[in-house]
Amino acid sequence: MFTYTKTGKDGEKTTGRLYLNGKGYSAVSGGYGKGELPDGLYRVNVRGAVAGSHLSSGFKAGGAAFFIPIEHGTDASRSGLGIHPDGNDPGTLGCIGIAPSDAKRFLDQWTAMAISRRPTSLEVTG
């Protein structure tokens, strides 16, 4: 399971740590659109994840380019959410944006895992 733990708040944007198998990565959520990702449980669409230089600049930073789709378990009012590098201006439209300094390290850990071992759920707290 992924865990995103919010550790700070600045208006509609939170800062925090995204954990994958015990390793933590600096991240942000919100600041634009409908703001931060609400607390709760989310499904991770492992097979829908994409990576590569063809992605837009908002999904590229720190030598990594990827998007891992997520969906709230019960609230369908927000769509298009995911985990990606925090490219462009700091902040997201509600996604979890991994800091450029951690993005490549995160992607390396994610891609080193067999697809069947990648987490299929995300818990957001804070």
N, C-alpha and C. Protein backbone atom coordinates (compact mmCIF):
# COMPACT_ATOMS: atom_id res chain seq x y z
N MET A 1 0.84 -1.18 0.00
CA MET A 1 0.00 0.00 0.00
C MET A 1 0.89 1.24 0.00
N PHE A 2 0.47 2.23 -0.76
CA PHE A 2 1.05 3.57 -0.69
C PHE A 2 0.42 4.27 0.50
N THR A 3 1.15 5.21 1.08
CA THR A 3 0.60 6.11 2.07
C THR A 3 1.10 7.51 1.76
N TYR A 4 0.18 8.49 1.72
CA TYR A 4 0.57 9.90 1.61
C TYR A 4 0.17 10.55 2.93
N THR A 5 1.17 11.01 3.66
CA THR A 5 0.95 11.64 4.95
C THR A 5 1.20 13.14 4.81
N LYS A 6 0.16 13.92 5.02
CA LYS A 6 0.27 15.38 4.95
C LYS A 6 0.99 15.88 6.19
N THR A 7 1.99 16.73 5.98
CA THR A 7 2.76 17.26 7.11
C THR A 7 2.68 18.77 7.23
N GLY A 8 2.16 19.45 6.22
CA GLY A 8 2.05 20.90 6.27
C GLY A 8 0.97 21.37 5.32
N LYS A 9 0.51 22.61 5.52
CA LYS A 9 -0.55 23.16 4.68
C LYS A 9 -0.28 24.62 4.41
N ASP A 10 -0.48 25.02 3.15
CA ASP A 10 -0.33 26.41 2.74
C ASP A 10 -1.51 26.73 1.83
N GLY A 11 -2.57 27.27 2.39
CA GLY A 11 -3.78 27.54 1.62
C GLY A 11 -4.42 26.24 1.18
N GLU A 12 -4.55 26.05 -0.14
CA GLU A 12 -5.17 24.85 -0.69
C GLU A 12 -4.14 23.77 -1.05
N LYS A 13 -2.89 23.98 -0.67
CA LYS A 13 -1.82 23.03 -1.00
C LYS A 13 -1.26 22.41 0.26
N THR A 14 -1.03 21.08 0.22
CA THR A 14 -0.38 20.41 1.34
C THR A 14 0.99 19.91 0.90
N THR A 15 1.87 19.82 1.87
CA THR A 15 3.15 19.16 1.66
C THR A 15 3.11 17.88 2.49
N GLY A 16 3.90 16.93 2.10
CA GLY A 16 3.90 15.68 2.84
C GLY A 16 4.92 14.69 2.31
N ARG A 17 4.70 13.44 2.70
CA ARG A 17 5.58 12.35 2.30
C ARG A 17 4.73 11.23 1.71
N LEU A 18 5.18 10.74 0.55
CA LEU A 18 4.56 9.58 -0.07
C LEU A 18 5.46 8.39 0.25
N TYR A 19 4.88 7.35 0.83
CA TYR A 19 5.64 6.17 1.23
C TYR A 19 5.30 4.99 0.32
N LEU A 20 6.36 4.33 -0.13
CA LEU A 20 6.24 3.12 -0.94
C LEU A 20 7.19 2.10 -0.35
N ASN A 21 6.63 1.04 0.22
CA ASN A 21 7.43 -0.02 0.85
C ASN A 21 8.44 0.53 1.86
N GLY A 22 8.00 1.48 2.68
CA GLY A 22 8.82 2.01 3.75
C GLY A 22 9.76 3.12 3.34
N LYS A 23 9.88 3.43 2.07
CA LYS A 23 10.74 4.53 1.62
C LYS A 23 9.88 5.76 1.38
N GLY A 24 10.34 6.91 1.87
CA GLY A 24 9.56 8.13 1.78
C GLY A 24 10.07 9.09 0.72
N TYR A 25 9.15 9.81 0.10
CA TYR A 25 9.45 10.77 -0.95
C TYR A 25 8.71 12.08 -0.66
N SER A 26 9.40 13.21 -0.79
CA SER A 26 8.76 14.51 -0.59
C SER A 26 7.73 14.75 -1.68
N ALA A 27 6.57 15.28 -1.29
CA ALA A 27 5.49 15.47 -2.26
C ALA A 27 4.59 16.63 -1.85
N VAL A 28 3.79 17.07 -2.81
CA VAL A 28 2.77 18.11 -2.59
C VAL A 28 1.46 17.62 -3.18
N SER A 29 0.37 18.24 -2.74
CA SER A 29 -0.94 17.99 -3.34
C SER A 29 -1.73 19.29 -3.30
N GLY A 30 -2.30 19.63 -4.42
CA GLY A 30 -3.15 20.81 -4.48
C GLY A 30 -2.41 22.09 -4.76
N GLY A 31 -3.13 23.17 -4.50
CA GLY A 31 -2.64 24.50 -4.81
C GLY A 31 -3.36 25.09 -5.99
N TYR A 32 -3.96 24.22 -6.80
CA TYR A 32 -4.70 24.63 -7.99
C TYR A 32 -5.98 23.82 -8.08
N GLY A 33 -6.89 24.25 -8.95
CA GLY A 33 -8.13 23.50 -9.17
C GLY A 33 -8.95 23.39 -7.90
N LYS A 34 -9.33 22.17 -7.54
CA LYS A 34 -10.15 21.92 -6.35
C LYS A 34 -9.30 21.71 -5.11
N GLY A 35 -8.01 21.96 -5.19
CA GLY A 35 -7.15 21.88 -4.00
C GLY A 35 -6.60 20.49 -3.76
N GLU A 36 -6.17 20.29 -2.54
CA GLU A 36 -5.48 19.07 -2.14
C GLU A 36 -6.32 17.81 -2.28
N LEU A 37 -5.64 16.69 -2.32
CA LEU A 37 -6.29 15.39 -2.34
C LEU A 37 -6.92 15.14 -0.97
N PRO A 38 -8.23 14.88 -0.92
CA PRO A 38 -8.88 14.64 0.37
C PRO A 38 -8.38 13.35 1.03
N ASP A 39 -8.44 13.32 2.35
CA ASP A 39 -8.10 12.11 3.09
C ASP A 39 -9.02 10.97 2.65
N GLY A 40 -8.52 9.76 2.74
CA GLY A 40 -9.32 8.59 2.41
C GLY A 40 -8.52 7.51 1.73
N LEU A 41 -9.23 6.48 1.28
CA LEU A 41 -8.62 5.36 0.57
C LEU A 41 -8.86 5.52 -0.92
N TYR A 42 -7.83 5.24 -1.70
CA TYR A 42 -7.87 5.36 -3.15
C TYR A 42 -7.40 4.05 -3.79
N ARG A 43 -7.95 3.75 -4.95
CA ARG A 43 -7.48 2.63 -5.75
C ARG A 43 -6.36 3.13 -6.67
N VAL A 44 -5.32 2.33 -6.80
CA VAL A 44 -4.21 2.66 -7.70
C VAL A 44 -4.36 1.79 -8.95
N ASN A 45 -4.45 2.42 -10.11
CA ASN A 45 -4.59 1.70 -11.37
C ASN A 45 -3.19 1.37 -11.89
N VAL A 46 -2.62 0.29 -11.37
CA VAL A 46 -1.26 -0.10 -11.70
C VAL A 46 -1.08 -0.30 -13.20
N ARG A 47 -2.02 -0.97 -13.83
CA ARG A 47 -1.88 -1.25 -15.26
C ARG A 47 -2.12 -0.02 -16.14
N GLY A 48 -2.68 1.04 -15.56
CA GLY A 48 -2.89 2.28 -16.30
C GLY A 48 -1.72 3.24 -16.21
N ALA A 49 -0.71 2.89 -15.44
CA ALA A 49 0.46 3.76 -15.27
C ALA A 49 1.21 3.90 -16.59
N VAL A 50 1.68 5.12 -16.85
CA VAL A 50 2.46 5.39 -18.06
C VAL A 50 3.73 6.14 -17.69
N ALA A 51 4.75 5.95 -18.49
CA ALA A 51 6.02 6.65 -18.29
C ALA A 51 6.63 6.96 -19.64
N GLY A 52 7.41 8.03 -19.71
CA GLY A 52 8.11 8.34 -20.94
C GLY A 52 8.11 9.81 -21.29
N SER A 53 8.98 10.15 -22.19
CA SER A 53 9.19 11.55 -22.56
C SER A 53 8.01 12.16 -23.33
N HIS A 54 7.06 11.33 -23.79
CA HIS A 54 5.90 11.84 -24.52
C HIS A 54 4.90 12.56 -23.61
N LEU A 55 5.04 12.41 -22.30
CA LEU A 55 4.10 13.04 -21.36
C LEU A 55 4.32 14.55 -21.32
N SER A 56 3.27 15.29 -20.95
CA SER A 56 3.36 16.76 -20.89
C SER A 56 4.29 17.19 -19.76
N SER A 57 4.71 18.43 -19.81
CA SER A 57 5.71 18.94 -18.87
C SER A 57 5.26 18.90 -17.42
N GLY A 58 3.95 18.91 -17.16
CA GLY A 58 3.45 18.83 -15.79
C GLY A 58 3.70 17.49 -15.13
N PHE A 59 4.04 16.49 -15.94
CA PHE A 59 4.31 15.14 -15.43
C PHE A 59 5.78 14.76 -15.55
N LYS A 60 6.64 15.78 -15.74
CA LYS A 60 8.09 15.55 -15.88
C LYS A 60 8.84 16.44 -14.90
N ALA A 61 9.81 15.86 -14.21
CA ALA A 61 10.68 16.64 -13.33
C ALA A 61 11.77 15.72 -12.79
N GLY A 62 12.93 16.28 -12.56
CA GLY A 62 14.00 15.53 -11.91
C GLY A 62 14.47 14.32 -12.69
N GLY A 63 14.36 14.35 -14.01
CA GLY A 63 14.81 13.23 -14.83
C GLY A 63 13.82 12.09 -14.90
N ALA A 64 12.56 12.33 -14.51
CA ALA A 64 11.54 11.29 -14.55
C ALA A 64 10.27 11.86 -15.18
N ALA A 65 9.54 11.00 -15.87
CA ALA A 65 8.25 11.37 -16.48
C ALA A 65 7.31 10.18 -16.35
N PHE A 66 6.25 10.36 -15.53
CA PHE A 66 5.31 9.25 -15.33
C PHE A 66 3.99 9.77 -14.77
N PHE A 67 2.97 8.92 -14.88
CA PHE A 67 1.66 9.21 -14.29
C PHE A 67 1.05 7.88 -13.87
N ILE A 68 0.68 7.78 -12.58
CA ILE A 68 0.05 6.58 -12.02
C ILE A 68 -1.36 6.99 -11.60
N PRO A 69 -2.39 6.54 -12.31
CA PRO A 69 -3.76 6.95 -12.00
C PRO A 69 -4.26 6.41 -10.65
N ILE A 70 -5.02 7.25 -9.95
CA ILE A 70 -5.68 6.84 -8.71
C ILE A 70 -7.14 7.28 -8.75
N GLU A 71 -7.99 6.55 -8.02
CA GLU A 71 -9.42 6.89 -7.91
C GLU A 71 -9.83 6.75 -6.46
N HIS A 72 -10.64 7.70 -5.99
CA HIS A 72 -11.16 7.62 -4.62
C HIS A 72 -12.09 6.42 -4.52
N GLY A 73 -12.04 5.74 -3.39
CA GLY A 73 -12.85 4.54 -3.20
C GLY A 73 -14.34 4.77 -3.26
N THR A 74 -14.83 5.94 -2.81
CA THR A 74 -16.28 6.16 -2.76
C THR A 74 -16.72 7.49 -3.39
N ASP A 75 -15.82 8.43 -3.59
CA ASP A 75 -16.18 9.76 -4.08
C ASP A 75 -15.75 9.91 -5.54
N ALA A 76 -16.70 9.91 -6.44
CA ALA A 76 -16.39 10.02 -7.87
C ALA A 76 -16.46 11.47 -8.36
N SER A 77 -16.54 12.44 -7.45
CA SER A 77 -16.69 13.84 -7.87
C SER A 77 -15.39 14.42 -8.42
N ARG A 78 -14.26 13.75 -8.18
CA ARG A 78 -12.98 14.21 -8.72
C ARG A 78 -12.39 13.10 -9.58
N SER A 79 -11.94 13.49 -10.75
CA SER A 79 -11.38 12.50 -11.66
C SER A 79 -10.04 13.00 -12.21
N GLY A 80 -9.34 12.12 -12.89
CA GLY A 80 -8.06 12.50 -13.48
C GLY A 80 -6.94 12.62 -12.47
N LEU A 81 -7.12 12.04 -11.29
CA LEU A 81 -6.11 12.14 -10.24
C LEU A 81 -5.02 11.09 -10.43
N GLY A 82 -3.84 11.41 -9.91
CA GLY A 82 -2.75 10.46 -10.02
C GLY A 82 -1.54 10.86 -9.19
N ILE A 83 -0.50 10.07 -9.35
CA ILE A 83 0.80 10.32 -8.74
C ILE A 83 1.76 10.59 -9.88
N HIS A 84 2.50 11.69 -9.79
CA HIS A 84 3.42 12.07 -10.87
C HIS A 84 4.47 13.03 -10.33
N PRO A 85 5.56 13.26 -11.08
CA PRO A 85 6.52 14.28 -10.65
C PRO A 85 5.83 15.65 -10.62
N ASP A 86 6.26 16.51 -9.73
CA ASP A 86 5.69 17.85 -9.63
C ASP A 86 6.41 18.76 -10.61
N GLY A 87 6.02 18.68 -11.89
CA GLY A 87 6.62 19.51 -12.93
C GLY A 87 5.97 20.87 -13.00
N ASN A 88 6.55 21.75 -13.82
CA ASN A 88 6.07 23.13 -13.97
C ASN A 88 6.10 23.88 -12.63
N ASP A 89 5.07 24.68 -12.37
CA ASP A 89 5.00 25.42 -11.11
C ASP A 89 4.69 24.45 -9.96
N PRO A 90 5.25 24.70 -8.77
CA PRO A 90 4.97 23.82 -7.62
C PRO A 90 3.48 23.74 -7.32
N GLY A 91 3.00 22.51 -7.09
CA GLY A 91 1.60 22.28 -6.79
C GLY A 91 0.92 21.47 -7.88
N THR A 92 -0.28 20.97 -7.57
CA THR A 92 -1.03 20.13 -8.50
C THR A 92 -2.50 20.51 -8.49
N LEU A 93 -3.26 19.86 -9.34
CA LEU A 93 -4.72 20.05 -9.38
C LEU A 93 -5.43 19.06 -8.46
N GLY A 94 -4.72 18.50 -7.50
CA GLY A 94 -5.29 17.52 -6.58
C GLY A 94 -4.52 16.22 -6.59
N CYS A 95 -3.65 16.06 -7.56
CA CYS A 95 -2.80 14.86 -7.62
C CYS A 95 -1.74 14.92 -6.53
N ILE A 96 -0.96 13.86 -6.41
CA ILE A 96 0.22 13.86 -5.57
C ILE A 96 1.41 14.10 -6.48
N GLY A 97 2.08 15.22 -6.29
CA GLY A 97 3.24 15.59 -7.09
C GLY A 97 4.52 15.33 -6.31
N ILE A 98 5.33 14.41 -6.80
CA ILE A 98 6.58 14.07 -6.12
C ILE A 98 7.63 15.12 -6.45
N ALA A 99 8.34 15.58 -5.43
CA ALA A 99 9.38 16.61 -5.60
C ALA A 99 10.38 16.18 -6.66
N PRO A 100 10.82 17.12 -7.51
CA PRO A 100 11.80 16.77 -8.54
C PRO A 100 13.04 16.05 -7.99
N SER A 101 13.46 16.42 -6.80
CA SER A 101 14.64 15.79 -6.20
C SER A 101 14.43 14.32 -5.85
N ASP A 102 13.18 13.89 -5.75
CA ASP A 102 12.85 12.49 -5.41
C ASP A 102 12.22 11.72 -6.56
N ALA A 103 11.84 12.39 -7.64
CA ALA A 103 11.05 11.76 -8.70
C ALA A 103 11.76 10.58 -9.36
N LYS A 104 13.01 10.72 -9.70
CA LYS A 104 13.74 9.63 -10.38
C LYS A 104 13.92 8.45 -9.44
N ARG A 105 14.25 8.72 -8.19
CA ARG A 105 14.43 7.65 -7.21
C ARG A 105 13.11 6.88 -7.01
N PHE A 106 11.99 7.61 -6.95
CA PHE A 106 10.68 6.96 -6.84
C PHE A 106 10.42 6.08 -8.07
N LEU A 107 10.60 6.65 -9.26
CA LEU A 107 10.33 5.90 -10.48
C LEU A 107 11.19 4.64 -10.57
N ASP A 108 12.45 4.76 -10.18
CA ASP A 108 13.34 3.59 -10.19
C ASP A 108 12.81 2.50 -9.26
N GLN A 109 12.33 2.89 -8.06
CA GLN A 109 11.79 1.90 -7.13
C GLN A 109 10.51 1.27 -7.71
N TRP A 110 9.64 2.10 -8.27
CA TRP A 110 8.37 1.63 -8.84
C TRP A 110 8.62 0.63 -9.97
N THR A 111 9.49 0.99 -10.91
CA THR A 111 9.71 0.13 -12.08
C THR A 111 10.50 -1.13 -11.73
N ALA A 112 11.25 -1.11 -10.64
CA ALA A 112 11.99 -2.31 -10.22
C ALA A 112 11.05 -3.37 -9.64
N MET A 113 9.86 -2.96 -9.24
CA MET A 113 8.88 -3.90 -8.67
C MET A 113 8.12 -4.61 -9.79
N ALA A 114 7.91 -5.90 -9.62
CA ALA A 114 7.05 -6.63 -10.56
C ALA A 114 5.65 -6.01 -10.52
N ILE A 115 4.98 -5.97 -11.65
CA ILE A 115 3.64 -5.37 -11.70
C ILE A 115 2.73 -6.00 -10.65
N SER A 116 2.82 -7.28 -10.45
CA SER A 116 1.96 -7.97 -9.48
C SER A 116 2.27 -7.59 -8.04
N ARG A 117 3.42 -6.96 -7.80
CA ARG A 117 3.81 -6.57 -6.44
C ARG A 117 3.60 -5.08 -6.16
N ARG A 118 3.22 -4.33 -7.18
CA ARG A 118 3.01 -2.89 -7.00
C ARG A 118 1.73 -2.66 -6.21
N PRO A 119 1.71 -1.63 -5.35
CA PRO A 119 0.53 -1.40 -4.52
C PRO A 119 -0.70 -1.01 -5.33
N THR A 120 -1.84 -1.53 -4.92
CA THR A 120 -3.10 -1.24 -5.60
C THR A 120 -3.99 -0.32 -4.77
N SER A 121 -3.47 0.16 -3.64
CA SER A 121 -4.24 1.09 -2.82
C SER A 121 -3.34 2.18 -2.26
N LEU A 122 -3.96 3.29 -1.94
CA LEU A 122 -3.29 4.47 -1.40
C LEU A 122 -4.14 4.99 -0.25
N GLU A 123 -3.51 5.23 0.89
CA GLU A 123 -4.20 5.87 2.01
C GLU A 123 -3.65 7.27 2.18
N VAL A 124 -4.54 8.25 2.19
CA VAL A 124 -4.18 9.65 2.38
C VAL A 124 -4.63 10.08 3.76
N THR A 125 -3.71 10.58 4.57
CA THR A 125 -4.03 11.01 5.92
C THR A 125 -3.38 12.35 6.22
N GLY A 126 -3.93 13.02 7.20
CA GLY A 126 -3.30 14.25 7.65
C GLY A 126 -4.30 15.29 7.95
